[in-house]
Amino acid sequence: MSKKHAYEGKGLTVTFEAARCIHAAECVHGLPDVFDPQARPWVAPDAAAPEALEKVIEACPTGALRYRRADGEDEAPDTEATFSVVADGPLHARGDLHLTLPDGSTERLTRLALCRCGASANKPFCDNSHDEAGFRDNGGLGAESAKPVEEETAPPIKLRLRPDGPVVVEGNCTVRSADGATAHQGGQVALCRCGGSARKPYCDGSHKRNGFKAD
């Protein structure tokens, strides 16, 4: 797990994990008085009302920014788990997400950006390598491969990384196209992370043919 920096304010403590940041800049554009990359420290939590700060942090798609209230309460996850495709980019996930890492530990997250191009040096997280790799995908949804929802299940959503293969999502979730026009719902889905699937964002077994390697 990469290092996190904490910035304590009267109402909120903001944490920042640089390795997860892909410079979406939701923070800088949303509250420039709080988030100033030229200042040291670059985060000033008391420069905005806690409610406004919470809203902007929750817009961070990668979860690089998080917060904890002064009463000790953490950010609440979305009640609905969603996986939104970004054209030519990652998959943005939101919800009560429990990611099992290669070392066997589990990290509880509310937001993350999953690599889809296969080139990230920080797998399974996106690190913007898709730009240099020339990854291209219009963000549509391939032939649906999600198992149907048989019964309502409560969070959390479990994410498991298959070695040299996809990320398997277990639990009721919605997968949305980049334009928001199409959505699939399912109880289990295997998401491509090698970049080679012809049914993106779903896995079609291409990782077995293209030599994809990842823990």
Foldseek 3Di string as FASTA:
>chain_A
DADWDWDDDPWKIKIAGVQQDQPPCLVCVQCVVQAPPVDVVRGDPVPDDPVSVQVSCVPRQANRMWMATPVGHGDAWDQAWEWAFAFLFWIKIAGQEWEQDPVRDTDTGGIRTAAQALPDPDPRGDNPCSVVVVQGDGQDAFDDDAAADPDADGDDWYWYDDFLFFIKIAAWHWYAGNVRPDIDIHRIFTAHNNSDDPRPRGDDPCSVVPVRGDD
